[in-house]
Amino acid sequence: MVNRCICSNITFSEVKKIADKENFQTVDELRINEVCCRNCELCRPYVEEMLKTGETSFSPQDLSNREYVGRDKI
């Protein structure tokens, strides 16, 4: 299961608590405030989905149709 930002060593549950508390609504707000998605950004599609749905744990296949992997568009 995918449940964390590896680079920032923080779970999506922790990210969600911070996002809710600080009223962050975008990945960029989390990144700028150094919460997550600061380096490789492989977690970015999962964090986007977390912000949209509130889910904090994903199977890698859940978002396999997303168009971003890290910072590069495929």
C-alpha atoms as a PDB file:
ATOM      1  CA  MET A   1       0.000   0.000   0.000  1.00  0.00           C
ATOM      2  CA  VAL A   2       1.072   3.566  -0.671  1.00  0.00           C
ATOM      3  CA  ASN A   3       0.466   5.607   2.472  1.00  0.00           C
ATOM      4  CA  ARG A   4       3.302   8.100   2.807  1.00  0.00           C
ATOM      5  CA  CYS A   5       5.643  10.621   1.259  1.00  0.00           C
ATOM      6  CA  ILE A   6       8.981   8.827   1.447  1.00  0.00           C
ATOM      7  CA  CYS A   7      11.158  11.924   0.916  1.00  0.00           C
ATOM      8  CA  SER A   8       9.494  13.851   3.744  1.00  0.00           C
ATOM      9  CA  ASN A   9       8.971  10.719   5.880  1.00  0.00           C
ATOM     10  CA  ILE A  10       5.337  11.579   6.618  1.00  0.00           C
ATOM     11  CA  THR A  11       2.194   9.489   6.278  1.00  0.00           C
ATOM     12  CA  PHE A  12      -0.758  10.697   4.258  1.00  0.00           C
ATOM     13  CA  SER A  13      -2.795  10.552   7.475  1.00  0.00           C
ATOM     14  CA  GLU A  14      -0.415  13.085   9.020  1.00  0.00           C
ATOM     15  CA  VAL A  15      -0.492  15.171   5.842  1.00  0.00           C
ATOM     16  CA  LYS A  16      -4.299  15.164   5.919  1.00  0.00           C
ATOM     17  CA  LYS A  17      -4.348  16.353   9.544  1.00  0.00           C
ATOM     18  CA  ILE A  18      -2.016  19.227   8.675  1.00  0.00           C
ATOM     19  CA  ALA A  19      -3.966  20.091   5.520  1.00  0.00           C
ATOM     20  CA  ASP A  20      -7.223  20.143   7.470  1.00  0.00           C
ATOM     21  CA  LYS A  21      -5.772  22.200  10.326  1.00  0.00           C
ATOM     22  CA  GLU A  22      -4.084  24.751   8.038  1.00  0.00           C
ATOM     23  CA  ASN A  23      -6.871  24.683   5.419  1.00  0.00           C
ATOM     24  CA  PHE A  24      -4.432  23.670   2.665  1.00  0.00           C
ATOM     25  CA  GLN A  25      -6.334  22.605  -0.433  1.00  0.00           C
ATOM     26  CA  THR A  26      -3.591  21.995  -2.991  1.00  0.00           C
ATOM     27  CA  VAL A  27      -0.405  19.990  -3.283  1.00  0.00           C
ATOM     28  CA  ASP A  28       1.473  23.217  -3.964  1.00  0.00           C
ATOM     29  CA  GLU A  29       0.356  24.658  -0.608  1.00  0.00           C
ATOM     30  CA  LEU A  30       1.649  21.515   1.124  1.00  0.00           C
ATOM     31  CA  ARG A  31       4.902  21.623  -0.858  1.00  0.00           C
ATOM     32  CA  ILE A  32       5.543  25.343  -0.270  1.00  0.00           C
ATOM     33  CA  ASN A  33       4.970  24.845   3.455  1.00  0.00           C
ATOM     34  CA  GLU A  34       7.403  21.891   3.422  1.00  0.00           C
ATOM     35  CA  VAL A  35       4.852  19.255   4.435  1.00  0.00           C
ATOM     36  CA  CYS A  36       5.350  16.828   1.521  1.00  0.00           C
ATOM     37  CA  CYS A  37       5.969  16.539  -2.251  1.00  0.00           C
ATOM     38  CA  ARG A  38       9.225  18.465  -2.000  1.00  0.00           C
ATOM     39  CA  ASN A  39      11.655  16.192  -3.824  1.00  0.00           C
ATOM     40  CA  CYS A  40      10.812  13.354  -6.207  1.00  0.00           C
ATOM     41  CA  GLU A  41       7.054  14.064  -6.180  1.00  0.00           C
ATOM     42  CA  LEU A  42       6.161  10.407  -6.752  1.00  0.00           C
ATOM     43  CA  CYS A  43       3.554  10.852  -4.025  1.00  0.00           C
ATOM     44  CA  ARG A  44       1.944  13.828  -5.756  1.00  0.00           C
ATOM     45  CA  PRO A  45      -0.937  11.947  -7.472  1.00  0.00           C
ATOM     46  CA  TYR A  46      -1.719  10.177  -4.186  1.00  0.00           C
ATOM     47  CA  VAL A  47      -1.698  13.445  -2.235  1.00  0.00           C
ATOM     48  CA  GLU A  48      -3.953  15.007  -4.884  1.00  0.00           C
ATOM     49  CA  GLU A  49      -6.363  12.088  -4.467  1.00  0.00           C
ATOM     50  CA  MET A  50      -6.139  12.364  -0.667  1.00  0.00           C
ATOM     51  CA  LEU A  51      -7.072  16.044  -0.825  1.00  0.00           C
ATOM     52  CA  LYS A  52      -9.981  15.234  -3.125  1.00  0.00           C
ATOM     53  CA  THR A  53     -11.378  12.150  -1.355  1.00  0.00           C
ATOM     54  CA  GLY A  54      -9.940  12.083   2.163  1.00  0.00           C
ATOM     55  CA  GLU A  55      -8.456   8.629   1.587  1.00  0.00           C
ATOM     56  CA  THR A  56      -4.978   8.143   3.051  1.00  0.00           C
ATOM     57  CA  SER A  57      -3.937   4.712   1.797  1.00  0.00           C
ATOM     58  CA  PHE A  58      -3.827   3.522  -1.803  1.00  0.00           C
ATOM     59  CA  SER A  59      -2.883   0.485  -3.798  1.00  0.00           C
ATOM     60  CA  PRO A  60      -0.351   1.452  -6.487  1.00  0.00           C
ATOM     61  CA  GLN A  61      -2.895   0.448  -9.131  1.00  0.00           C
ATOM     62  CA  ASP A  62      -5.476   2.916  -7.760  1.00  0.00           C
ATOM     63  CA  LEU A  63      -3.913   5.797  -9.643  1.00  0.00           C
ATOM     64  CA  SER A  64      -2.160   3.943 -12.441  1.00  0.00           C
ATOM     65  CA  ASN A  65      -4.049   5.947 -15.076  1.00  0.00           C
ATOM     66  CA  ARG A  66      -2.730   9.297 -13.804  1.00  0.00           C
ATOM     67  CA  GLU A  67      -0.669  11.290 -16.289  1.00  0.00           C
ATOM     68  CA  TYR A  68       2.119  12.345 -13.918  1.00  0.00           C
ATOM     69  CA  VAL A  69       4.962  10.346 -12.515  1.00  0.00           C
ATOM     70  CA  GLY A  70       7.114  12.547 -10.353  1.00  0.00           C
ATOM     71  CA  ARG A  71       7.626  15.856 -12.109  1.00  0.00           C
ATOM     72  CA  ASP A  72       7.534  14.493 -15.638  1.00  0.00           C
ATOM     73  CA  LYS A  73       4.438  14.233 -17.756  1.00  0.00           C
ATOM     74  CA  ILE A  74       4.146  10.948 -19.620  1.00  0.00           C
END
